[in-house]
């Protein structure tokens, strides 16, 4: 008969000075949050406006093989038309925010 092995605690929990630093939930050992510091986002204090608010990208049209031609109530072409309408609205709003942008965008 094979003996069952217990899962080892994460390294940070094993090194903890306090045995109560790790918590069990539903039979699983969770390491304390202090072991995994939160990620910080390094932001540029003066971001480039062109990269901070990029121009919306047009949606890709569906491939001919994407439509089953069975008259679905929600066809991929209908979804594409909805995406194009949202894209046009987003592009118009972007152009209002960026009047200096080229009109060919």
N, C-alpha and C. Protein backbone atom coordinates (compact mmCIF):
# COMPACT_ATOMS: atom_id res chain seq x y z
N UNK A 1 0.83 -1.16 0.00
CA UNK A 1 0.00 0.00 0.00
C UNK A 1 0.89 1.24 0.00
N UNK A 2 0.52 2.18 -0.84
CA UNK A 2 1.33 3.37 -1.01
C UNK A 2 0.90 4.46 -0.03
N UNK A 3 1.87 5.04 0.61
CA UNK A 3 1.56 6.10 1.58
C UNK A 3 1.27 7.39 0.82
N UNK A 4 0.32 8.12 1.32
CA UNK A 4 0.01 9.40 0.69
C UNK A 4 1.00 10.45 1.18
N UNK A 5 1.39 11.30 0.29
CA UNK A 5 2.34 12.34 0.67
C UNK A 5 1.60 13.65 0.84
N UNK A 6 2.05 14.42 1.80
CA UNK A 6 1.45 15.73 2.03
C UNK A 6 2.14 16.74 1.15
N UNK A 7 1.38 17.71 0.73
CA UNK A 7 1.96 18.79 -0.06
C UNK A 7 2.82 19.66 0.85
N UNK A 8 3.93 20.07 0.30
CA UNK A 8 4.80 20.96 1.07
C UNK A 8 4.27 22.38 0.98
N UNK A 9 4.46 23.11 2.03
CA UNK A 9 4.06 24.51 2.04
C UNK A 9 4.98 25.30 1.13
N UNK A 10 4.50 26.40 0.57
CA UNK A 10 5.37 27.24 -0.24
C UNK A 10 6.60 27.67 0.55
N UNK A 11 7.68 27.91 -0.15
CA UNK A 11 8.94 28.24 0.50
C UNK A 11 8.78 29.42 1.44
N UNK A 12 8.04 30.43 1.02
CA UNK A 12 7.89 31.61 1.87
C UNK A 12 7.13 31.27 3.15
N UNK A 13 6.21 30.32 3.11
CA UNK A 13 5.47 29.93 4.31
C UNK A 13 6.35 29.10 5.23
N UNK A 14 7.24 28.29 4.66
CA UNK A 14 8.12 27.47 5.49
C UNK A 14 9.15 28.32 6.20
N UNK A 15 9.54 29.43 5.60
CA UNK A 15 10.55 30.30 6.20
C UNK A 15 9.95 31.28 7.19
N UNK A 16 8.66 31.31 7.30
CA UNK A 16 8.00 32.28 8.16
C UNK A 16 8.32 32.00 9.62
N UNK A 17 8.49 33.07 10.39
CA UNK A 17 8.77 32.92 11.81
C UNK A 17 7.52 32.48 12.56
N UNK A 18 6.36 32.91 12.11
CA UNK A 18 5.11 32.55 12.76
C UNK A 18 4.48 31.35 12.06
N UNK A 19 4.12 30.33 12.81
CA UNK A 19 3.49 29.18 12.16
C UNK A 19 2.10 29.51 11.63
N UNK A 20 1.45 30.55 12.16
CA UNK A 20 0.11 30.90 11.70
C UNK A 20 0.14 31.84 10.50
N UNK A 21 1.33 32.07 9.94
CA UNK A 21 1.44 33.00 8.82
C UNK A 21 0.75 32.45 7.58
N UNK A 22 0.75 31.15 7.41
CA UNK A 22 0.08 30.54 6.27
C UNK A 22 -1.32 30.13 6.70
N UNK A 23 -2.23 30.14 5.77
CA UNK A 23 -3.62 29.83 6.10
C UNK A 23 -4.09 28.65 5.27
N UNK A 24 -4.92 27.82 5.89
CA UNK A 24 -5.53 26.71 5.19
C UNK A 24 -6.94 27.10 4.80
N UNK A 25 -7.31 26.78 3.58
CA UNK A 25 -8.67 27.00 3.12
C UNK A 25 -9.05 25.81 2.27
N UNK A 26 -10.08 25.13 2.67
CA UNK A 26 -10.59 23.99 1.91
C UNK A 26 -9.50 22.95 1.66
N UNK A 27 -8.64 22.77 2.65
CA UNK A 27 -7.61 21.76 2.54
C UNK A 27 -6.36 22.18 1.79
N UNK A 28 -6.29 23.43 1.35
CA UNK A 28 -5.12 23.91 0.62
C UNK A 28 -4.40 24.95 1.44
N UNK A 29 -3.09 24.94 1.36
CA UNK A 29 -2.28 25.89 2.10
C UNK A 29 -2.03 27.12 1.25
N UNK A 30 -2.35 28.28 1.79
CA UNK A 30 -2.12 29.53 1.09
C UNK A 30 -1.06 30.33 1.82
N UNK A 31 -0.12 30.85 1.07
CA UNK A 31 0.95 31.65 1.66
C UNK A 31 0.42 33.02 2.03
N UNK A 32 1.02 33.65 3.02
CA UNK A 32 0.58 35.00 3.37
C UNK A 32 0.91 35.98 2.26
N UNK A 33 0.16 37.05 2.22
CA UNK A 33 0.37 38.04 1.16
C UNK A 33 1.72 38.72 1.27
N UNK A 34 2.31 38.74 2.46
CA UNK A 34 3.61 39.38 2.62
C UNK A 34 4.68 38.67 1.80
N UNK A 35 4.47 37.39 1.52
CA UNK A 35 5.44 36.65 0.71
C UNK A 35 5.42 37.09 -0.74
N UNK A 36 4.28 37.55 -1.17
CA UNK A 36 4.12 37.96 -2.56
C UNK A 36 3.71 39.43 -2.57
N UNK A 37 4.68 40.34 -2.60
CA UNK A 37 4.32 41.76 -2.57
C UNK A 37 3.51 42.14 -3.80
N UNK A 38 2.63 43.12 -3.67
CA UNK A 38 1.82 43.52 -4.82
C UNK A 38 2.70 44.10 -5.92
N UNK A 39 2.27 43.87 -7.13
CA UNK A 39 3.01 44.41 -8.27
C UNK A 39 2.73 45.90 -8.38
N UNK A 40 3.76 46.63 -8.64
CA UNK A 40 3.58 48.07 -8.83
C UNK A 40 3.77 48.39 -10.30
N UNK A 41 3.01 49.32 -10.76
CA UNK A 41 3.10 49.73 -12.15
C UNK A 41 3.98 50.97 -12.20
N UNK A 42 5.03 50.86 -12.94
CA UNK A 42 5.93 52.00 -13.10
C UNK A 42 5.38 52.87 -14.23
N UNK A 43 4.87 54.01 -13.87
CA UNK A 43 4.30 54.89 -14.89
C UNK A 43 5.23 56.05 -15.15
N UNK A 44 5.28 56.46 -16.39
CA UNK A 44 6.07 57.59 -16.81
C UNK A 44 5.34 58.86 -16.36
N UNK A 45 6.02 59.77 -15.68
CA UNK A 45 5.31 60.96 -15.21
C UNK A 45 4.78 61.83 -16.34
N UNK A 46 5.41 61.79 -17.51
CA UNK A 46 4.95 62.59 -18.64
C UNK A 46 4.76 61.65 -19.84
N UNK A 47 3.64 60.89 -19.88
CA UNK A 47 3.46 59.93 -20.97
C UNK A 47 3.27 60.62 -22.31
N UNK A 48 3.68 59.93 -23.36
CA UNK A 48 3.50 60.42 -24.72
C UNK A 48 2.02 60.35 -25.06
N UNK A 49 1.39 61.46 -25.48
CA UNK A 49 -0.05 61.44 -25.76
C UNK A 49 -0.44 60.45 -26.86
N UNK A 50 0.48 60.20 -27.79
CA UNK A 50 0.16 59.28 -28.89
C UNK A 50 -0.01 57.85 -28.38
N UNK A 51 0.78 57.47 -27.38
CA UNK A 51 0.67 56.11 -26.85
C UNK A 51 -0.31 56.03 -25.69
N UNK A 52 -0.60 57.16 -25.05
CA UNK A 52 -1.54 57.15 -23.93
C UNK A 52 -2.97 56.94 -24.40
N UNK A 53 -3.31 57.43 -25.58
CA UNK A 53 -4.66 57.31 -26.12
C UNK A 53 -4.55 56.91 -27.59
N UNK A 54 -4.28 55.62 -27.85
CA UNK A 54 -4.08 55.21 -29.25
C UNK A 54 -5.37 55.25 -30.05
N UNK A 55 -5.20 55.36 -31.35
CA UNK A 55 -6.34 55.36 -32.26
C UNK A 55 -7.00 53.98 -32.25
N UNK A 56 -8.34 53.92 -32.21
CA UNK A 56 -9.01 52.62 -32.24
C UNK A 56 -8.69 51.86 -33.53
N UNK A 57 -8.60 50.56 -33.43
CA UNK A 57 -8.32 49.72 -34.58
C UNK A 57 -9.61 49.14 -35.13
N UNK A 58 -9.70 49.11 -36.44
CA UNK A 58 -10.89 48.57 -37.10
C UNK A 58 -11.00 47.07 -36.83
N UNK A 59 -12.21 46.56 -36.67
CA UNK A 59 -12.38 45.12 -36.45
C UNK A 59 -12.08 44.34 -37.72
N UNK A 60 -11.66 43.11 -37.54
CA UNK A 60 -11.37 42.24 -38.67
C UNK A 60 -12.67 41.64 -39.18
N UNK A 61 -12.91 41.68 -40.50
CA UNK A 61 -14.14 41.08 -41.03
C UNK A 61 -14.09 39.56 -40.87
N UNK A 62 -15.25 38.93 -40.74
CA UNK A 62 -15.26 37.48 -40.61
C UNK A 62 -14.82 36.81 -41.91
N UNK A 63 -14.22 35.67 -41.77
CA UNK A 63 -13.83 34.89 -42.95
C UNK A 63 -15.07 34.27 -43.58
N UNK A 64 -15.02 33.97 -44.87
CA UNK A 64 -16.18 33.32 -45.50
C UNK A 64 -16.57 32.01 -44.82
N UNK A 65 -15.58 31.31 -44.26
CA UNK A 65 -15.87 30.04 -43.60
C UNK A 65 -16.44 30.22 -42.20
N UNK A 66 -16.45 31.46 -41.67
CA UNK A 66 -16.99 31.71 -40.34
C UNK A 66 -18.51 31.65 -40.31
N UNK A 67 -19.16 31.91 -41.43
CA UNK A 67 -20.62 31.90 -41.49
C UNK A 67 -21.09 30.52 -41.96
N UNK A 68 -22.09 29.99 -41.27
CA UNK A 68 -22.60 28.66 -41.63
C UNK A 68 -23.73 28.74 -42.65
N UNK A 69 -24.19 29.96 -42.99
CA UNK A 69 -25.25 30.19 -43.98
C UNK A 69 -26.53 29.44 -43.65
N UNK A 70 -26.83 29.31 -42.37
CA UNK A 70 -28.06 28.61 -41.98
C UNK A 70 -29.11 29.58 -41.44
N UNK A 71 -28.85 30.87 -41.52
CA UNK A 71 -29.82 31.85 -41.06
C UNK A 71 -29.88 31.97 -39.55
N UNK A 72 -28.76 31.89 -38.90
CA UNK A 72 -28.71 32.01 -37.44
C UNK A 72 -29.28 33.36 -37.01
N UNK A 73 -29.94 33.40 -35.86
CA UNK A 73 -30.48 34.68 -35.39
C UNK A 73 -29.39 35.68 -35.04
N UNK A 74 -28.21 35.21 -34.71
CA UNK A 74 -27.09 36.08 -34.38
C UNK A 74 -25.90 35.65 -35.24
N UNK A 75 -25.88 36.10 -36.48
CA UNK A 75 -24.86 35.70 -37.45
C UNK A 75 -23.55 36.44 -37.17
N UNK A 76 -22.45 35.85 -37.60
CA UNK A 76 -21.15 36.51 -37.43
C UNK A 76 -21.11 37.83 -38.19
N UNK A 77 -21.85 37.93 -39.28
CA UNK A 77 -21.88 39.18 -40.03
C UNK A 77 -22.63 40.27 -39.24
N UNK A 78 -23.67 39.88 -38.51
CA UNK A 78 -24.37 40.83 -37.64
C UNK A 78 -23.45 41.33 -36.54
N UNK A 79 -22.70 40.40 -35.95
CA UNK A 79 -21.76 40.78 -34.90
C UNK A 79 -20.69 41.72 -35.45
N UNK A 80 -20.21 41.43 -36.66
CA UNK A 80 -19.20 42.28 -37.29
C UNK A 80 -19.77 43.68 -37.55
N UNK A 81 -21.00 43.75 -38.04
CA UNK A 81 -21.61 45.07 -38.28
C UNK A 81 -21.75 45.86 -36.98
N UNK A 82 -22.08 45.18 -35.88
CA UNK A 82 -22.15 45.85 -34.58
C UNK A 82 -20.78 46.37 -34.16
N UNK A 83 -19.74 45.55 -34.39
CA UNK A 83 -18.37 45.96 -34.05
C UNK A 83 -17.94 47.16 -34.88
N UNK A 84 -18.31 47.18 -36.17
CA UNK A 84 -17.96 48.31 -37.04
C UNK A 84 -18.66 49.57 -36.55
N UNK A 85 -19.90 49.47 -36.14
CA UNK A 85 -20.63 50.64 -35.62
C UNK A 85 -19.96 51.17 -34.36
N UNK A 86 -19.56 50.26 -33.45
CA UNK A 86 -18.85 50.69 -32.23
C UNK A 86 -17.50 51.31 -32.58
N UNK A 87 -16.81 50.73 -33.57
CA UNK A 87 -15.52 51.26 -34.00
C UNK A 87 -15.68 52.67 -34.54
N UNK A 88 -16.69 52.89 -35.36
CA UNK A 88 -16.90 54.23 -35.93
C UNK A 88 -17.20 55.25 -34.85
N UNK A 89 -17.98 54.86 -33.84
CA UNK A 89 -18.25 55.77 -32.72
C UNK A 89 -16.98 56.07 -31.94
N UNK A 90 -16.19 55.04 -31.67
CA UNK A 90 -14.94 55.23 -30.93
C UNK A 90 -13.97 56.08 -31.73
N UNK A 91 -13.92 55.88 -33.05
CA UNK A 91 -13.02 56.66 -33.89
C UNK A 91 -13.45 58.12 -33.93
N UNK A 92 -14.75 58.37 -34.02
CA UNK A 92 -15.23 59.75 -34.01
C UNK A 92 -14.89 60.44 -32.69
N UNK A 93 -15.06 59.73 -31.58
CA UNK A 93 -14.71 60.31 -30.27
C UNK A 93 -13.21 60.54 -30.17
N UNK A 94 -12.42 59.62 -30.70
CA UNK A 94 -10.96 59.78 -30.67
C UNK A 94 -10.53 60.98 -31.49
N UNK A 95 -11.14 61.16 -32.66
CA UNK A 95 -10.80 62.31 -33.51
C UNK A 95 -11.16 63.62 -32.85
N UNK A 96 -12.23 63.65 -32.05
CA UNK A 96 -12.57 64.86 -31.31
C UNK A 96 -11.51 65.16 -30.24
N UNK A 97 -10.96 64.10 -29.64
CA UNK A 97 -9.91 64.29 -28.64
C UNK A 97 -8.58 64.63 -29.27
N UNK A 98 -8.38 64.26 -30.54
CA UNK A 98 -7.11 64.48 -31.24
C UNK A 98 -7.36 65.21 -32.56
N UNK A 99 -7.69 66.49 -32.51
CA UNK A 99 -7.97 67.21 -33.76
C UNK A 99 -6.74 67.37 -34.64
N UNK A 100 -5.55 67.25 -34.05
CA UNK A 100 -4.32 67.40 -34.82
C UNK A 100 -3.97 66.14 -35.61
N UNK A 101 -4.67 65.04 -35.36
CA UNK A 101 -4.37 63.77 -36.02
C UNK A 101 -4.74 63.84 -37.50
N UNK A 102 -4.06 63.04 -38.28
CA UNK A 102 -4.31 62.97 -39.72
C UNK A 102 -5.73 62.44 -39.95
N UNK A 103 -6.44 63.02 -40.88
CA UNK A 103 -7.82 62.60 -41.16
C UNK A 103 -7.88 61.25 -41.86
N UNK A 104 -6.77 60.71 -42.30
CA UNK A 104 -6.76 59.42 -42.99
C UNK A 104 -6.72 58.25 -42.04
N UNK A 105 -6.81 58.48 -40.75
CA UNK A 105 -6.71 57.40 -39.76
C UNK A 105 -7.90 56.49 -39.78
